[in-house]
Amino acid sequence: MSNSLRFIVWAHRSADSIFGAASNPVVRNGSMLTFDDEKRARVQCAHLNARSNNYLHYSVKRTPVRRSANSSN
């Protein structure tokens, strides 16, 4: 088994939002928005932040992924 890192884009909603504070991974097409490359994740995050409002911002979190030797990922 090997360990590697994935970079997940997270959305953070402000407590000032009418829905209150929350943090969740961004989901696109039914799966979390993840990248193998941190630079690509940060570029996507910057793109999302440029289009967001005062109550929502995005960040990148590193997540260790444990893969089995049989895994093709």
PDB file of N, CA and C in Angstrom:
ATOM      1  N   MET A   1       0.829  -1.173   0.000  1.00  0.00           N
ATOM      2  CA  MET A   1       0.000   0.000   0.000  1.00  0.00           C
ATOM      3  C   MET A   1       0.878   1.242   0.000  1.00  0.00           C
ATOM      4  N   SER A   2       0.399   2.275  -0.682  1.00  0.00           N
ATOM      5  CA  SER A   2       1.141   3.523  -0.690  1.00  0.00           C
ATOM      6  C   SER A   2       0.244   4.661  -0.233  1.00  0.00           C
ATOM      7  N   ASN A   3       0.856   5.677   0.305  1.00  0.00           N
ATOM      8  CA  ASN A   3       0.126   6.857   0.736  1.00  0.00           C
ATOM      9  C   ASN A   3       0.430   7.988  -0.230  1.00  0.00           C
ATOM     10  N   SER A   4      -0.577   8.777  -0.544  1.00  0.00           N
ATOM     11  CA  SER A   4      -0.387   9.938  -1.387  1.00  0.00           C
ATOM     12  C   SER A   4      -1.312  11.045  -0.903  1.00  0.00           C
ATOM     13  N   LEU A   5      -1.174  12.212  -1.498  1.00  0.00           N
ATOM     14  CA  LEU A   5      -2.009  13.343  -1.124  1.00  0.00           C
ATOM     15  C   LEU A   5      -2.960  13.684  -2.249  1.00  0.00           C
ATOM     16  N   ARG A   6      -4.145  14.087  -1.872  1.00  0.00           N
ATOM     17  CA  ARG A   6      -5.129  14.658  -2.785  1.00  0.00           C
ATOM     18  C   ARG A   6      -5.453  16.033  -2.233  1.00  0.00           C
ATOM     19  N   PHE A   7      -5.893  16.906  -3.086  1.00  0.00           N
ATOM     20  CA  PHE A   7      -6.226  18.267  -2.695  1.00  0.00           C
ATOM     21  C   PHE A   7      -7.697  18.503  -3.005  1.00  0.00           C
ATOM     22  N   ILE A   8      -8.471  18.771  -1.954  1.00  0.00           N
ATOM     23  CA  ILE A   8      -9.916  18.918  -2.068  1.00  0.00           C
ATOM     24  C   ILE A   8     -10.273  20.390  -1.915  1.00  0.00           C
ATOM     25  N   VAL A   9     -11.154  20.877  -2.800  1.00  0.00           N
ATOM     26  CA  VAL A   9     -11.634  22.250  -2.720  1.00  0.00           C
ATOM     27  C   VAL A   9     -12.839  22.268  -1.784  1.00  0.00           C
ATOM     28  N   TRP A  10     -12.789  23.166  -0.797  1.00  0.00           N
ATOM     29  CA  TRP A  10     -13.855  23.308   0.196  1.00  0.00           C
ATOM     30  C   TRP A  10     -14.529  24.661   0.054  1.00  0.00           C
ATOM     31  N   ALA A  11     -15.837  24.693   0.289  1.00  0.00           N
ATOM     32  CA  ALA A  11     -16.615  25.929   0.330  1.00  0.00           C
ATOM     33  C   ALA A  11     -16.894  26.273   1.788  1.00  0.00           C
ATOM     34  N   HIS A  12     -16.712  27.540   2.129  1.00  0.00           N
ATOM     35  CA  HIS A  12     -16.942  28.014   3.498  1.00  0.00           C
ATOM     36  C   HIS A  12     -17.958  29.151   3.459  1.00  0.00           C
ATOM     37  N   ARG A  13     -19.077  28.934   4.128  1.00  0.00           N
ATOM     38  CA  ARG A  13     -20.117  29.946   4.189  1.00  0.00           C
ATOM     39  C   ARG A  13     -20.003  30.704   5.500  1.00  0.00           C
ATOM     40  N   SER A  14     -20.135  32.006   5.425  1.00  0.00           N
ATOM     41  CA  SER A  14     -20.007  32.894   6.579  1.00  0.00           C
ATOM     42  C   SER A  14     -21.192  32.753   7.528  1.00  0.00           C
ATOM     43  N   ALA A  15     -20.954  33.057   8.789  1.00  0.00           N
ATOM     44  CA  ALA A  15     -22.034  33.075   9.782  1.00  0.00           C
ATOM     45  C   ALA A  15     -23.037  34.182   9.465  1.00  0.00           C
ATOM     46  N   ASP A  16     -22.617  35.175   8.696  1.00  0.00           N
ATOM     47  CA  ASP A  16     -23.510  36.282   8.313  1.00  0.00           C
ATOM     48  C   ASP A  16     -24.483  35.893   7.200  1.00  0.00           C
ATOM     49  N   SER A  17     -24.298  34.731   6.606  1.00  0.00           N
ATOM     50  CA  SER A  17     -25.205  34.245   5.568  1.00  0.00           C
ATOM     51  C   SER A  17     -26.564  33.950   6.189  1.00  0.00           C
ATOM     52  N   ILE A  18     -27.628  34.056   5.406  1.00  0.00           N
ATOM     53  CA  ILE A  18     -28.957  33.767   5.946  1.00  0.00           C
ATOM     54  C   ILE A  18     -29.104  32.289   6.330  1.00  0.00           C
ATOM     55  N   PHE A  19     -28.208  31.444   5.806  1.00  0.00           N
ATOM     56  CA  PHE A  19     -28.237  30.023   6.137  1.00  0.00           C
ATOM     57  C   PHE A  19     -27.266  29.662   7.257  1.00  0.00           C
ATOM     58  N   GLY A  20     -26.473  30.621   7.725  1.00  0.00           N
ATOM     59  CA  GLY A  20     -25.517  30.374   8.795  1.00  0.00           C
ATOM     60  C   GLY A  20     -24.201  29.801   8.291  1.00  0.00           C
ATOM     61  N   ALA A  21     -23.277  29.636   9.203  1.00  0.00           N
ATOM     62  CA  ALA A  21     -21.929  29.165   8.868  1.00  0.00           C
ATOM     63  C   ALA A  21     -21.935  27.683   8.523  1.00  0.00           C
ATOM     64  N   ALA A  22     -21.086  27.331   7.567  1.00  0.00           N
ATOM     65  CA  ALA A  22     -20.921  25.921   7.191  1.00  0.00           C
ATOM     66  C   ALA A  22     -19.663  25.775   6.351  1.00  0.00           C
ATOM     67  N   SER A  23     -19.072  24.599   6.392  1.00  0.00           N
ATOM     68  CA  SER A  23     -17.932  24.244   5.541  1.00  0.00           C
ATOM     69  C   SER A  23     -18.172  22.845   4.988  1.00  0.00           C
ATOM     70  N   ASN A  24     -18.055  22.718   3.674  1.00  0.00           N
ATOM     71  CA  ASN A  24     -18.283  21.445   3.007  1.00  0.00           C
ATOM     72  C   ASN A  24     -17.375  21.323   1.800  1.00  0.00           C
ATOM     73  N   PRO A  25     -17.005  20.097   1.446  1.00  0.00           N
ATOM     74  CA  PRO A  25     -16.256  19.928   0.199  1.00  0.00           C
ATOM     75  C   PRO A  25     -17.157  20.286  -0.982  1.00  0.00           C
ATOM     76  N   VAL A  26     -16.557  20.833  -2.028  1.00  0.00           N
ATOM     77  CA  VAL A  26     -17.305  21.157  -3.236  1.00  0.00           C
ATOM     78  C   VAL A  26     -17.590  19.861  -3.992  1.00  0.00           C
ATOM     79  N   VAL A  27     -18.838  19.685  -4.402  1.00  0.00           N
ATOM     80  CA  VAL A  27     -19.242  18.493  -5.134  1.00  0.00           C
ATOM     81  C   VAL A  27     -19.633  18.907  -6.548  1.00  0.00           C
ATOM     82  N   ARG A  28     -19.042  18.218  -7.530  1.00  0.00           N
ATOM     83  CA  ARG A  28     -19.373  18.428  -8.944  1.00  0.00           C
ATOM     84  C   ARG A  28     -19.677  17.093  -9.570  1.00  0.00           C
ATOM     85  N   ASN A  29     -20.793  17.043 -10.258  1.00  0.00           N
ATOM     86  CA  ASN A  29     -21.198  15.810 -10.940  1.00  0.00           C
ATOM     87  C   ASN A  29     -21.196  14.602 -10.011  1.00  0.00           C
ATOM     88  N   GLY A  30     -21.602  14.816  -8.777  1.00  0.00           N
ATOM     89  CA  GLY A  30     -21.744  13.719  -7.837  1.00  0.00           C
ATOM     90  C   GLY A  30     -20.493  13.294  -7.093  1.00  0.00           C
ATOM     91  N   SER A  31     -19.365  13.963  -7.317  1.00  0.00           N
ATOM     92  CA  SER A  31     -18.157  13.598  -6.568  1.00  0.00           C
ATOM     93  C   SER A  31     -17.408  14.851  -6.116  1.00  0.00           C
ATOM     94  N   MET A  32     -16.616  14.685  -5.082  1.00  0.00           N
ATOM     95  CA  MET A  32     -15.863  15.817  -4.540  1.00  0.00           C
ATOM     96  C   MET A  32     -14.880  16.348  -5.577  1.00  0.00           C
ATOM     97  N   LEU A  33     -14.698  17.660  -5.569  1.00  0.00           N
ATOM     98  CA  LEU A  33     -13.763  18.313  -6.477  1.00  0.00           C
ATOM     99  C   LEU A  33     -12.356  18.141  -5.912  1.00  0.00           C
ATOM    100  N   THR A  34     -11.622  17.168  -6.440  1.00  0.00           N
ATOM    101  CA  THR A  34     -10.291  16.840  -5.940  1.00  0.00           C
ATOM    102  C   THR A  34      -9.271  16.893  -7.071  1.00  0.00           C
ATOM    103  N   PHE A  35      -8.028  17.112  -6.669  1.00  0.00           N
ATOM    104  CA  PHE A  35      -6.923  17.195  -7.619  1.00  0.00           C
ATOM    105  C   PHE A  35      -5.723  16.437  -7.066  1.00  0.00           C
ATOM    106  N   ASP A  36      -4.915  15.877  -7.948  1.00  0.00           N
ATOM    107  CA  ASP A  36      -3.644  15.265  -7.561  1.00  0.00           C
ATOM    108  C   ASP A  36      -2.559  16.323  -7.396  1.00  0.00           C
ATOM    109  N   ASP A  37      -2.759  17.454  -8.060  1.00  0.00           N
ATOM    110  CA  ASP A  37      -1.763  18.519  -8.101  1.00  0.00           C
ATOM    111  C   ASP A  37      -2.270  19.740  -7.320  1.00  0.00           C
ATOM    112  N   GLU A  38      -1.494  20.184  -6.329  1.00  0.00           N
ATOM    113  CA  GLU A  38      -1.923  21.301  -5.490  1.00  0.00           C
ATOM    114  C   GLU A  38      -2.083  22.586  -6.298  1.00  0.00           C
ATOM    115  N   LYS A  39      -1.200  22.816  -7.243  1.00  0.00           N
ATOM    116  CA  LYS A  39      -1.287  24.042  -8.046  1.00  0.00           C
ATOM    117  C   LYS A  39      -2.606  24.105  -8.813  1.00  0.00           C
ATOM    118  N   ARG A  40      -3.013  23.008  -9.413  1.00  0.00           N
ATOM    119  CA  ARG A  40      -4.288  22.974 -10.139  1.00  0.00           C
ATOM    120  C   ARG A  40      -5.466  23.214  -9.200  1.00  0.00           C
ATOM    121  N   ALA A  41      -5.399  22.665  -7.997  1.00  0.00           N
ATOM    122  CA  ALA A  41      -6.463  22.874  -7.011  1.00  0.00           C
ATOM    123  C   ALA A  41      -6.540  24.344  -6.620  1.00  0.00           C
ATOM    124  N   ARG A  42      -5.392  24.974  -6.427  1.00  0.00           N
ATOM    125  CA  ARG A  42      -5.371  26.395  -6.046  1.00  0.00           C
ATOM    126  C   ARG A  42      -5.860  27.303  -7.182  1.00  0.00           C
ATOM    127  N   VAL A  43      -5.555  26.939  -8.415  1.00  0.00           N
ATOM    128  CA  VAL A  43      -6.066  27.706  -9.560  1.00  0.00           C
ATOM    129  C   VAL A  43      -7.592  27.625  -9.599  1.00  0.00           C
ATOM    130  N   GLN A  44      -8.146  26.431  -9.419  1.00  0.00           N
ATOM    131  CA  GLN A  44      -9.602  26.264  -9.398  1.00  0.00           C
ATOM    132  C   GLN A  44     -10.215  27.039  -8.238  1.00  0.00           C
ATOM    133  N   CYS A  45      -9.570  26.987  -7.083  1.00  0.00           N
ATOM    134  CA  CYS A  45     -10.034  27.708  -5.898  1.00  0.00           C
ATOM    135  C   CYS A  45     -10.053  29.223  -6.169  1.00  0.00           C
ATOM    136  N   ALA A  46      -9.012  29.742  -6.780  1.00  0.00           N
ATOM    137  CA  ALA A  46      -8.944  31.176  -7.098  1.00  0.00           C
ATOM    138  C   ALA A  46     -10.053  31.554  -8.081  1.00  0.00           C
ATOM    139  N   HIS A  47     -10.317  30.692  -9.039  1.00  0.00           N
ATOM    140  CA  HIS A  47     -11.398  30.936 -10.005  1.00  0.00           C
ATOM    141  C   HIS A  47     -12.746  31.018  -9.285  1.00  0.00           C
ATOM    142  N   LEU A  48     -12.997  30.096  -8.382  1.00  0.00           N
ATOM    143  CA  LEU A  48     -14.257  30.099  -7.636  1.00  0.00           C
ATOM    144  C   LEU A  48     -14.358  31.317  -6.721  1.00  0.00           C
ATOM    145  N   ASN A  49     -13.250  31.686  -6.058  1.00  0.00           N
ATOM    146  CA  ASN A  49     -13.272  32.852  -5.179  1.00  0.00           C
ATOM    147  C   ASN A  49     -13.529  34.137  -5.953  1.00  0.00           C
ATOM    148  N   ALA A  50     -13.028  34.223  -7.185  1.00  0.00           N
ATOM    149  CA  ALA A  50     -13.242  35.419  -8.002  1.00  0.00           C
ATOM    150  C   ALA A  50     -14.721  35.602  -8.338  1.00  0.00           C
ATOM    151  N   ARG A  51     -15.471  34.513  -8.346  1.00  0.00           N
ATOM    152  CA  ARG A  51     -16.888  34.564  -8.706  1.00  0.00           C
ATOM    153  C   ARG A  51     -17.816  34.516  -7.490  1.00  0.00           C
ATOM    154  N   SER A  52     -17.274  34.420  -6.289  1.00  0.00           N
ATOM    155  CA  SER A  52     -18.119  34.264  -5.093  1.00  0.00           C
ATOM    156  C   SER A  52     -18.504  35.626  -4.517  1.00  0.00           C
ATOM    157  N   ASN A  53     -19.314  35.596  -3.480  1.00  0.00           N
ATOM    158  CA  ASN A  53     -19.759  36.825  -2.821  1.00  0.00           C
ATOM    159  C   ASN A  53     -19.120  36.957  -1.448  1.00  0.00           C
ATOM    160  N   ASN A  54     -19.585  37.947  -0.680  1.00  0.00           N
ATOM    161  CA  ASN A  54     -19.001  38.210   0.643  1.00  0.00           C
ATOM    162  C   ASN A  54     -19.287  37.116   1.662  1.00  0.00           C
ATOM    163  N   TYR A  55     -20.246  36.266   1.391  1.00  0.00           N
ATOM    164  CA  TYR A  55     -20.644  35.246   2.357  1.00  0.00           C
ATOM    165  C   TYR A  55     -20.076  33.867   2.063  1.00  0.00           C
ATOM    166  N   LEU A  56     -19.322  33.754   0.981  1.00  0.00           N
ATOM    167  CA  LEU A  56     -18.815  32.454   0.574  1.00  0.00           C
ATOM    168  C   LEU A  56     -17.383  32.579   0.076  1.00  0.00           C
ATOM    169  N   HIS A  57     -16.512  31.712   0.557  1.00  0.00           N
ATOM    170  CA  HIS A  57     -15.155  31.650   0.016  1.00  0.00           C
ATOM    171  C   HIS A  57     -14.715  30.193  -0.045  1.00  0.00           C
ATOM    172  N   TYR A  58     -13.669  29.963  -0.804  1.00  0.00           N
ATOM    173  CA  TYR A  58     -13.187  28.606  -1.063  1.00  0.00           C
ATOM    174  C   TYR A  58     -11.748  28.464  -0.608  1.00  0.00           C
ATOM    175  N   SER A  59     -11.379  27.248  -0.223  1.00  0.00           N
ATOM    176  CA  SER A  59     -10.002  26.956   0.164  1.00  0.00           C
ATOM    177  C   SER A  59      -9.648  25.544  -0.299  1.00  0.00           C
ATOM    178  N   VAL A  60      -8.377  25.227  -0.181  1.00  0.00           N
ATOM    179  CA  VAL A  60      -7.880  23.901  -0.554  1.00  0.00           C
ATOM    180  C   VAL A  60      -7.372  23.219   0.703  1.00  0.00           C
ATOM    181  N   LYS A  61      -7.777  21.981   0.892  1.00  0.00           N
ATOM    182  CA  LYS A  61      -7.294  21.186   2.025  1.00  0.00           C
ATOM    183  C   LYS A  61      -6.584  19.949   1.497  1.00  0.00           C
ATOM    184  N   ARG A  62      -5.431  19.662   2.090  1.00  0.00           N
ATOM    185  CA  ARG A  62      -4.685  18.443   1.747  1.00  0.00           C
ATOM    186  C   ARG A  62      -5.319  17.268   2.472  1.00  0.00           C
ATOM    187  N   THR A  63      -5.453  16.174   1.756  1.00  0.00           N
ATOM    188  CA  THR A  63      -6.040  14.979   2.341  1.00  0.00           C
ATOM    189  C   THR A  63      -5.195  13.767   1.983  1.00  0.00           C
ATOM    190  N   PRO A  64      -4.673  13.060   2.970  1.00  0.00           N
ATOM    191  CA  PRO A  64      -3.926  11.840   2.650  1.00  0.00           C
ATOM    192  C   PRO A  64      -4.877  10.760   2.134  1.00  0.00           C
ATOM    193  N   VAL A  65      -4.431  10.065   1.121  1.00  0.00           N
ATOM    194  CA  VAL A  65      -5.217   8.982   0.537  1.00  0.00           C
ATOM    195  C   VAL A  65      -4.394   7.712   0.645  1.00  0.00           C
ATOM    196  N   ARG A  66      -5.001   6.707   1.193  1.00  0.00           N
ATOM    197  CA  ARG A  66      -4.323   5.419   1.316  1.00  0.00           C
ATOM    198  C   ARG A  66      -4.817   4.523   0.206  1.00  0.00           C
ATOM    199  N   ARG A  67      -3.913   4.082  -0.615  1.00  0.00           N
ATOM    200  CA  ARG A  67      -4.267   3.233  -1.755  1.00  0.00           C
ATOM    201  C   ARG A  67      -3.667   1.854  -1.571  1.00  0.00           C
ATOM    202  N   SER A  68      -4.428   0.872  -1.984  1.00  0.00           N
ATOM    203  CA  SER A  68      -3.928  -0.503  -1.896  1.00  0.00           C
ATOM    204  C   SER A  68      -3.019  -0.787  -3.083  1.00  0.00           C
ATOM    205  N   ALA A  69      -2.210  -1.810  -2.978  1.00  0.00           N
ATOM    206  CA  ALA A  69      -1.295  -2.199  -4.047  1.00  0.00           C
ATOM    207  C   ALA A  69      -2.074  -2.648  -5.292  1.00  0.00           C
ATOM    208  N   ASN A  70      -3.305  -3.111  -5.112  1.00  0.00           N
ATOM    209  CA  ASN A  70      -4.119  -3.574  -6.241  1.00  0.00           C
ATOM    210  C   ASN A  70      -4.837  -2.446  -6.952  1.00  0.00           C
ATOM    211  N   SER A  71      -4.891  -1.272  -6.329  1.00  0.00           N
ATOM    212  CA  SER A  71      -5.645  -0.158  -6.870  1.00  0.00           C
ATOM    213  C   SER A  71      -5.030   0.393  -8.147  1.00  0.00           C
ATOM    214  N   SER A  72      -5.873   0.720  -9.108  1.00  0.00           N
ATOM    215  CA  SER A  72      -5.388   1.306 -10.356  1.00  0.00           C
ATOM    216  C   SER A  72      -5.417   2.814 -10.306  1.00  0.00           C
ATOM    217  N   ASN A  73      -5.836   3.427  -9.187  1.00  0.00           N
ATOM    218  CA  ASN A  73      -5.918   4.895  -9.058  1.00  0.00           C
ATOM    219  C   ASN A  73      -4.576   5.507  -8.814  1.00  0.00           C
TER     220      ASN A  73
END
